[in-house]
């Protein structure tokens, strides 16, 4: 898709005057100084031909069976052949099974930047669903709109993720024998060498979802429970989304007040480890970094790798960076239930339980926005 253009009916010129049901392009829009010639597709005619081709494909195997002649299936009908879309991602070519492709759309606005060096480099939203934006290229060549303006929406069950790509090049039918399997590779199903192209890296979609726990944020949240009178039941789900992360242990925080997640520079990591004041540069500002106070210290404290940037609503105060080890998940609104417990002299803690999510039973709730206010 290169764009959308409005064409006046008076500007269309018919170039094929003899009626021919097989002619798919019989009119053009002549070239101008600023635009090339446009050929106009006869869509209704294409659909009629497509139906005729489908009917012929169904009739031919039946005729072959009646005559005893061996039927020769079309390439896309062979059980060991799978159609793939070939995408350019940076300088690499990746073949993606079309059965996993929901659609291809422009990259949406990003809501959380997770760092250009991360495979999941941002969180975006499409038609009301949060989803991770993923760059699978070596060297992360598809982590911005300039190099990769398109998002391939891949689906697996109820989950979606956005694979950012530079362009779609072609469709290919790959027989099973054409792909050299690579079971030990974390992302590849295999590699295919084709006569008319360089080596294709064939994506294993299941492996990619396995390496992208952030895809759980795309799960559609169930509707909140209501009592018969319209009141929300006491065990109703939380109306806010939660960010799940690892520090000295696994925590969950409401996303209110979180404005970004960035990778920690090497100097900042070293300053935090040694207890010195730590800072990082973010959007023209110098942001102070603090470590998250631990509830239960483990023997090996998780090494700080990321900073969650938190700012009070309205942006009147300076943002603060809270160091964590890694992001684990994003729980959509109405996907978790909240409860509480008392931990001796430490007082009462909030807990959430995300039904259906792995390792998300009774997570301690740490409100990072409130924590930033206290630490600031």
Protein backbone atom coordinates (compact mmCIF):
# COMPACT_ATOMS: atom_id res chain seq x y z
CA UNK A 1 0.00 0.00 0.00
CA UNK A 2 1.59 3.27 -1.16
CA UNK A 3 -1.28 5.62 -0.40
CA UNK A 4 -4.82 6.73 -1.16
CA UNK A 5 -5.65 9.08 -4.02
CA UNK A 6 -8.92 10.79 -4.98
CA UNK A 7 -9.56 10.55 -8.75
CA UNK A 8 -12.26 12.50 -10.56
CA UNK A 9 -14.38 10.42 -12.94
CA UNK A 10 -13.58 12.86 -15.75
CA UNK A 11 -9.85 12.08 -15.41
CA UNK A 12 -10.26 8.34 -16.11
CA UNK A 13 -9.39 7.17 -19.65
CA UNK A 14 -10.49 3.79 -20.99
CA UNK A 15 -7.72 2.11 -22.99
CA UNK A 16 -9.31 -1.33 -23.69
CA UNK A 17 -12.56 -0.90 -25.63
CA UNK A 18 -13.21 -4.50 -26.71
CA UNK A 19 -15.21 -6.32 -24.01
CA UNK A 20 -13.04 -8.95 -22.37
CA UNK A 21 -13.95 -10.56 -19.06
CA UNK A 22 -10.30 -11.55 -18.57
CA UNK A 23 -9.02 -7.97 -18.73
CA UNK A 24 -8.40 -6.71 -15.20
CA UNK A 25 -7.04 -3.27 -16.07
CA UNK A 26 -8.98 -1.50 -18.83
CA UNK A 27 -8.80 2.12 -17.61
CA UNK A 28 -6.03 4.45 -16.51
CA UNK A 29 -5.49 7.84 -14.97
CA UNK A 30 -2.91 9.52 -17.27
CA UNK A 31 0.36 10.71 -15.82
CA UNK A 32 0.87 14.31 -14.75
CA UNK A 33 3.94 16.31 -13.89
CA UNK A 34 3.65 15.26 -10.25
CA UNK A 35 2.11 11.77 -10.51
CA UNK A 36 2.69 8.61 -12.60
CA UNK A 37 0.10 6.75 -14.65
CA UNK A 38 -2.34 4.85 -12.48
CA UNK A 39 -3.94 1.63 -13.74
CA UNK A 40 -7.41 1.02 -12.31
CA UNK A 41 -8.21 -2.49 -11.17
CA UNK A 42 -11.60 -3.92 -12.15
CA UNK A 43 -12.34 -5.33 -8.72
CA UNK A 44 -15.73 -6.90 -9.53
CA UNK A 45 -14.22 -8.69 -12.53
CA UNK A 46 -11.32 -9.94 -10.42
CA UNK A 47 -13.75 -11.35 -7.86
CA UNK A 48 -15.75 -13.14 -10.57
CA UNK A 49 -12.57 -14.65 -11.99
CA UNK A 50 -11.40 -15.61 -8.52
CA UNK A 51 -14.62 -17.51 -7.90
CA UNK A 52 -14.29 -19.27 -11.27
CA UNK A 53 -10.72 -20.30 -10.42
CA UNK A 54 -11.84 -21.64 -7.04
CA UNK A 55 -14.65 -23.64 -8.65
CA UNK A 56 -12.24 -25.05 -11.25
CA UNK A 57 -9.81 -26.09 -8.51
CA UNK A 58 -12.61 -27.98 -6.77
CA UNK A 59 -13.86 -29.66 -9.97
CA UNK A 60 -10.49 -30.86 -11.29
CA UNK A 61 -9.67 -33.24 -8.39
CA UNK A 62 -13.18 -34.73 -8.64
CA UNK A 63 -12.78 -35.30 -12.40
CA UNK A 64 -9.38 -36.90 -11.84
CA UNK A 65 -10.85 -39.28 -9.27
CA UNK A 66 -13.66 -40.28 -11.67
CA UNK A 67 -11.23 -41.07 -14.51
CA UNK A 68 -8.63 -42.74 -12.32
CA UNK A 69 -6.00 -40.16 -13.31
CA UNK A 70 -3.73 -38.94 -10.52
CA UNK A 71 -4.71 -35.50 -9.29
CA UNK A 72 -1.96 -32.91 -9.22
CA UNK A 73 -2.73 -30.47 -6.40
CA UNK A 74 -1.89 -26.81 -6.68
CA UNK A 75 1.12 -25.69 -4.64
CA UNK A 76 -1.04 -24.06 -1.95
CA UNK A 77 -3.03 -27.29 -1.56
CA UNK A 78 -0.08 -29.49 -0.70
CA UNK A 79 -0.20 -30.43 2.97
CA UNK A 80 3.52 -29.84 3.51
CA UNK A 81 3.51 -26.41 1.86
CA UNK A 82 2.80 -23.27 3.85
CA UNK A 83 2.34 -19.75 2.54
CA UNK A 84 4.57 -17.07 4.03
CA UNK A 85 4.75 -13.31 3.73
CA UNK A 86 8.30 -12.06 3.27
CA UNK A 87 9.06 -8.87 5.20
CA UNK A 88 12.19 -6.76 5.12
CA UNK A 89 13.23 -5.84 8.66
CA UNK A 90 16.19 -3.51 8.42
CA UNK A 91 18.53 -5.34 6.03
CA UNK A 92 17.17 -8.80 6.85
CA UNK A 93 14.47 -10.85 5.13
CA UNK A 94 12.02 -12.70 7.34
CA UNK A 95 9.31 -15.13 6.21
CA UNK A 96 6.24 -15.10 8.45
CA UNK A 97 3.45 -17.72 8.17
CA UNK A 98 0.38 -15.90 6.86
CA UNK A 99 -1.81 -18.05 9.09
CA UNK A 100 -0.51 -16.03 12.07
CA UNK A 101 -0.86 -12.60 10.42
CA UNK A 102 -3.98 -10.71 11.51
CA UNK A 103 -3.28 -7.62 9.39
CA UNK A 104 -0.60 -5.07 8.53
CA UNK A 105 -1.13 -1.48 9.73
CA UNK A 106 1.01 1.62 10.31
CA UNK A 107 2.89 1.57 13.61
CA UNK A 108 0.60 3.12 16.25
CA UNK A 109 1.62 5.79 18.72
CA UNK A 110 3.79 4.38 21.51
CA UNK A 111 2.62 4.77 25.08
CA UNK A 112 5.67 3.35 26.85
CA UNK A 113 9.18 3.34 25.40
CA UNK A 114 11.10 0.31 26.68
CA UNK A 115 14.41 1.07 25.00
CA UNK A 116 15.65 0.65 21.39
CA UNK A 117 18.00 -2.20 22.39
CA UNK A 118 15.15 -4.34 23.71
CA UNK A 119 13.34 -6.91 21.56
CA UNK A 120 10.08 -5.49 22.93
CA UNK A 121 10.95 -1.85 22.42
CA UNK A 122 7.62 -0.16 23.19
CA UNK A 123 3.99 -0.61 24.23
CA UNK A 124 1.37 0.68 21.82
CA UNK A 125 -2.38 0.57 21.39
CA UNK A 126 -4.51 -0.49 18.43
CA UNK A 127 -8.31 -0.30 18.47
CA UNK A 128 -8.41 -0.19 22.24
CA UNK A 129 -6.04 -3.11 22.82
CA UNK A 130 -2.59 -2.67 24.32
CA UNK A 131 0.12 -4.67 22.61
CA UNK A 132 3.91 -4.91 22.64
CA UNK A 133 5.89 -3.63 19.64
CA UNK A 134 8.60 -6.16 18.82
CA UNK A 135 11.78 -5.88 16.73
CA UNK A 136 13.35 -9.26 15.87
CA UNK A 137 16.18 -7.97 13.68
CA UNK A 138 19.80 -8.25 14.68
CA UNK A 139 21.02 -4.91 15.95
CA UNK A 140 17.41 -3.75 16.45
CA UNK A 141 16.99 -2.07 13.06
CA UNK A 142 13.20 -1.73 13.32
CA UNK A 143 12.69 0.19 16.55
CA UNK A 144 11.43 3.47 15.09
CA UNK A 145 8.99 4.69 12.45
CA UNK A 146 11.69 5.96 10.11
CA UNK A 147 13.28 2.54 9.58
CA UNK A 148 10.12 0.46 10.12
CA UNK A 149 6.82 2.28 9.53
CA UNK A 150 4.63 -0.88 9.45
CA UNK A 151 3.35 -3.22 12.15
CA UNK A 152 2.47 -6.84 11.39
CA UNK A 153 -0.14 -7.93 13.91
CA UNK A 154 0.60 -11.54 14.84
CA UNK A 155 -1.97 -13.55 16.75
CA UNK A 156 -1.76 -16.61 18.96
CA UNK A 157 -4.99 -17.56 20.66
CA UNK A 158 -6.33 -14.50 22.52
CA UNK A 159 -2.99 -12.66 22.34
CA UNK A 160 -1.54 -10.18 19.83
CA UNK A 161 1.83 -8.58 19.31
CA UNK A 162 3.04 -6.00 16.82
CA UNK A 163 6.07 -7.02 14.74
CA UNK A 164 7.60 -3.83 13.31
CA UNK A 165 8.86 -4.17 9.73
CA UNK A 166 10.25 -2.00 6.95
CA UNK A 167 8.17 -3.37 4.06
CA UNK A 168 6.36 -6.42 2.71
CA UNK A 169 8.20 -7.77 -0.32
CA UNK A 170 6.33 -10.84 -1.59
CA UNK A 171 4.43 -14.00 -0.75
CA UNK A 172 6.08 -17.39 -1.09
CA UNK A 173 4.83 -20.98 -0.72
CA UNK A 174 7.51 -22.87 1.17
CA UNK A 175 7.47 -26.68 1.01
CA UNK A 176 8.59 -28.31 4.20
CA UNK A 177 11.66 -29.67 2.42
CA UNK A 178 12.73 -26.14 1.43
CA UNK A 179 13.26 -25.11 5.05
CA UNK A 180 16.33 -26.24 6.97
CA UNK A 181 15.02 -26.69 10.51
CA UNK A 182 16.77 -24.95 13.41
CA UNK A 183 15.12 -26.29 16.56
CA UNK A 184 17.78 -24.84 18.87
CA UNK A 185 17.40 -21.26 17.61
CA UNK A 186 15.34 -19.03 19.95
CA UNK A 187 13.33 -17.44 17.10
CA UNK A 188 13.81 -19.34 13.86
CA UNK A 189 11.81 -22.25 12.56
CA UNK A 190 14.54 -22.56 9.94
CA UNK A 191 16.23 -21.00 6.91
CA UNK A 192 15.14 -21.28 3.28
CA UNK A 193 17.36 -20.61 0.26
CA UNK A 194 15.32 -19.55 -2.80
CA UNK A 195 16.64 -19.07 -6.35
CA UNK A 196 15.30 -15.53 -6.71
CA UNK A 197 16.20 -14.18 -3.25
CA UNK A 198 18.77 -14.31 -0.50
CA UNK A 199 18.36 -16.64 2.44
CA UNK A 200 15.02 -16.27 4.20
CA UNK A 201 14.85 -16.48 7.97
CA UNK A 202 11.61 -18.31 8.70
CA UNK A 203 9.99 -17.09 11.91
CA UNK A 204 8.61 -19.53 14.46
CA UNK A 205 5.64 -17.56 15.77
CA UNK A 206 5.16 -19.79 18.82
CA UNK A 207 8.79 -19.20 19.87
CA UNK A 208 8.34 -15.44 19.49
CA UNK A 209 5.27 -15.41 21.71
CA UNK A 210 7.15 -17.56 24.22
CA UNK A 211 9.88 -14.89 24.38
CA UNK A 212 7.37 -12.03 24.62
CA UNK A 213 5.52 -12.24 27.95
CA UNK A 214 4.39 -8.65 27.36
CA UNK A 215 1.92 -10.04 24.80
CA UNK A 216 -0.40 -10.83 27.71
CA UNK A 217 -1.36 -7.13 27.83
CA UNK A 218 -3.26 -7.64 24.56
CA UNK A 219 -5.68 -10.10 26.16
CA UNK A 220 -9.18 -8.68 26.13
CA UNK A 221 -10.24 -7.99 29.68
CA UNK A 222 -13.51 -9.48 30.94
CA UNK A 223 -16.34 -7.11 31.72
CA UNK A 224 -16.52 -6.00 35.36
CA UNK A 225 -18.95 -7.91 37.54
CA UNK A 226 -22.07 -6.10 38.75
CA UNK A 227 -24.63 -7.02 41.34
CA UNK A 228 -28.30 -7.19 40.25
CA UNK A 229 -28.92 -3.66 41.52
CA UNK A 230 -26.12 -2.26 39.41
CA UNK A 231 -23.53 -1.96 42.19
CA UNK A 232 -20.09 -3.43 41.67
CA UNK A 233 -19.58 -6.65 43.61
CA UNK A 234 -17.03 -6.61 46.45
CA UNK A 235 -14.67 -8.96 44.56
CA UNK A 236 -14.87 -6.94 41.32
CA UNK A 237 -11.72 -6.65 39.26
CA UNK A 238 -9.40 -3.67 39.38
CA UNK A 239 -10.43 -0.90 36.93
CA UNK A 240 -6.78 0.12 36.36
CA UNK A 241 -4.05 -1.66 34.38
CA UNK A 242 -1.00 -2.81 36.34
CA UNK A 243 2.67 -3.03 35.43
CA UNK A 244 4.36 -6.19 36.73
CA UNK A 245 8.10 -6.02 37.34
CA UNK A 246 11.01 -7.68 39.13
CA UNK A 247 13.19 -5.88 41.66
CA UNK A 248 14.22 -7.82 44.79
CA UNK A 249 11.03 -9.81 44.15
CA UNK A 250 8.04 -9.57 41.81
CA UNK A 251 5.71 -6.58 42.26
CA UNK A 252 2.74 -4.94 40.56
CA UNK A 253 2.07 -1.22 40.27
CA UNK A 254 -0.86 0.78 38.89
CA UNK A 255 0.30 2.48 35.69
CA UNK A 256 -1.00 5.91 36.71
CA UNK A 257 1.90 8.34 36.77
CA UNK A 258 4.30 6.11 34.81
CA UNK A 259 5.57 8.06 31.79
CA UNK A 260 8.28 5.73 30.46
CA UNK A 261 10.57 2.77 30.95
CA UNK A 262 14.17 3.12 29.77
CA UNK A 263 17.37 1.13 29.88
CA UNK A 264 19.86 2.22 32.53
CA UNK A 265 23.22 3.51 31.24
CA UNK A 266 26.26 1.61 32.47
CA UNK A 267 27.42 4.51 34.66
CA UNK A 268 24.01 4.80 36.31
CA UNK A 269 23.96 1.06 37.06
CA UNK A 270 27.39 1.28 38.67
CA UNK A 271 26.40 4.34 40.72
CA UNK A 272 23.30 2.55 42.03
CA UNK A 273 25.28 -0.57 42.96
CA UNK A 274 27.84 1.47 44.88
CA UNK A 275 25.27 3.69 46.60
CA UNK A 276 26.39 6.88 44.88
CA UNK A 277 23.85 9.43 43.54
CA UNK A 278 22.69 8.24 40.12
CA UNK A 279 21.18 10.13 37.17
CA UNK A 280 20.17 9.62 33.54
CA UNK A 281 19.26 11.91 30.63
CA UNK A 282 15.67 11.68 29.38
CA UNK A 283 13.99 13.98 26.85
CA UNK A 284 16.32 16.87 27.57
CA UNK A 285 16.03 16.49 31.35
CA UNK A 286 18.41 15.12 33.96
CA UNK A 287 16.45 12.58 35.97
CA UNK A 288 17.46 11.46 39.45
CA UNK A 289 17.48 7.69 40.00
CA UNK A 290 16.59 5.84 43.19
CA UNK A 291 16.45 2.18 44.08
CA UNK A 292 13.13 0.65 45.08
CA UNK A 293 13.08 -0.02 48.84
CA UNK A 294 12.90 -3.78 49.28
CA UNK A 295 10.25 -5.54 51.30
CA UNK A 296 12.17 -8.81 51.49
CA UNK A 297 15.82 -8.80 50.51
CA UNK A 298 17.07 -11.94 48.80
CA UNK A 299 20.68 -13.07 49.04
CA UNK A 300 21.43 -11.97 45.49
CA UNK A 301 19.76 -8.61 44.90
CA UNK A 302 18.51 -8.29 41.32
CA UNK A 303 20.89 -6.19 39.26
CA UNK A 304 19.23 -2.90 38.17
CA UNK A 305 18.76 -2.86 34.40
CA UNK A 306 15.79 -0.55 33.75
CA UNK A 307 14.29 2.60 35.21
CA UNK A 308 10.57 3.26 35.52
CA UNK A 309 10.08 7.00 35.04
CA UNK A 310 7.29 8.41 37.19
CA UNK A 311 5.83 11.92 37.16
CA UNK A 312 2.95 13.51 39.01
CA UNK A 313 -0.15 14.36 36.90
CA UNK A 314 0.15 17.68 35.11
CA UNK A 315 3.92 17.46 34.73
CA UNK A 316 4.56 20.24 37.28
CA UNK A 317 7.20 18.27 39.15
CA UNK A 318 10.38 16.72 37.81
CA UNK A 319 10.18 13.03 36.88
CA UNK A 320 11.92 10.48 39.06
CA UNK A 321 13.49 7.22 37.93
CA UNK A 322 12.95 4.09 40.04
CA UNK A 323 15.45 1.34 39.26
CA UNK A 324 14.15 -2.19 38.67
CA UNK A 325 15.60 -5.38 37.23
CA UNK A 326 13.12 -6.20 34.45
CA UNK A 327 9.56 -5.88 33.23
CA UNK A 328 7.49 -9.04 33.46
CA UNK A 329 3.98 -8.24 32.31
CA UNK A 330 1.23 -5.70 31.84
CA UNK A 331 -2.16 -6.61 33.29
CA UNK A 332 -5.05 -4.91 31.47
CA UNK A 333 -7.84 -3.22 33.40
CA UNK A 334 -10.37 -5.65 34.91
CA UNK A 335 -7.96 -8.58 34.61
CA UNK A 336 -6.88 -8.76 38.28
CA UNK A 337 -8.54 -8.77 41.68
CA UNK A 338 -7.13 -6.96 44.70
CA UNK A 339 -7.02 -8.07 48.32
CA UNK A 340 -4.88 -7.28 51.34
CA UNK A 341 -2.83 -8.85 54.11
CA UNK A 342 -0.98 -7.72 57.22
CA UNK A 343 2.74 -8.41 57.58
CA UNK A 344 3.46 -7.94 61.28
CA UNK A 345 4.98 -4.61 62.18
CA UNK A 346 5.28 -3.66 58.51
CA UNK A 347 1.56 -3.03 58.33
CA UNK A 348 -0.97 -3.87 55.64
CA UNK A 349 -0.06 -4.59 52.03
CA UNK A 350 -2.23 -4.74 48.94
CA UNK A 351 -2.14 -7.90 46.83
CA UNK A 352 -3.50 -8.64 43.38
CA UNK A 353 -4.20 -11.93 41.71
CA UNK A 354 -4.30 -12.15 37.90
CA UNK A 355 -6.41 -15.11 36.89
CA UNK A 356 -4.90 -17.10 34.01
CA UNK A 357 -1.50 -15.33 34.10
CA UNK A 358 1.64 -17.30 34.93
CA UNK A 359 3.32 -16.58 38.32
CA UNK A 360 0.91 -13.74 39.10
CA UNK A 361 -0.79 -15.08 42.22
CA UNK A 362 -0.84 -12.68 45.18
CA UNK A 363 1.58 -10.09 43.85
CA UNK A 364 2.51 -7.34 46.29
CA UNK A 365 1.22 -3.99 45.08
CA UNK A 366 3.73 -1.12 45.10
CA UNK A 367 2.27 2.13 43.79
CA UNK A 368 5.30 3.61 42.03
CA UNK A 369 3.65 7.04 41.72
CA UNK A 370 3.21 7.24 45.50
CA UNK A 371 6.67 5.77 46.02
CA UNK A 372 8.17 8.49 43.81
CA UNK A 373 6.34 11.15 45.82
CA UNK A 374 7.75 9.75 49.09
CA UNK A 375 11.27 9.25 47.73
CA UNK A 376 11.30 12.63 46.02
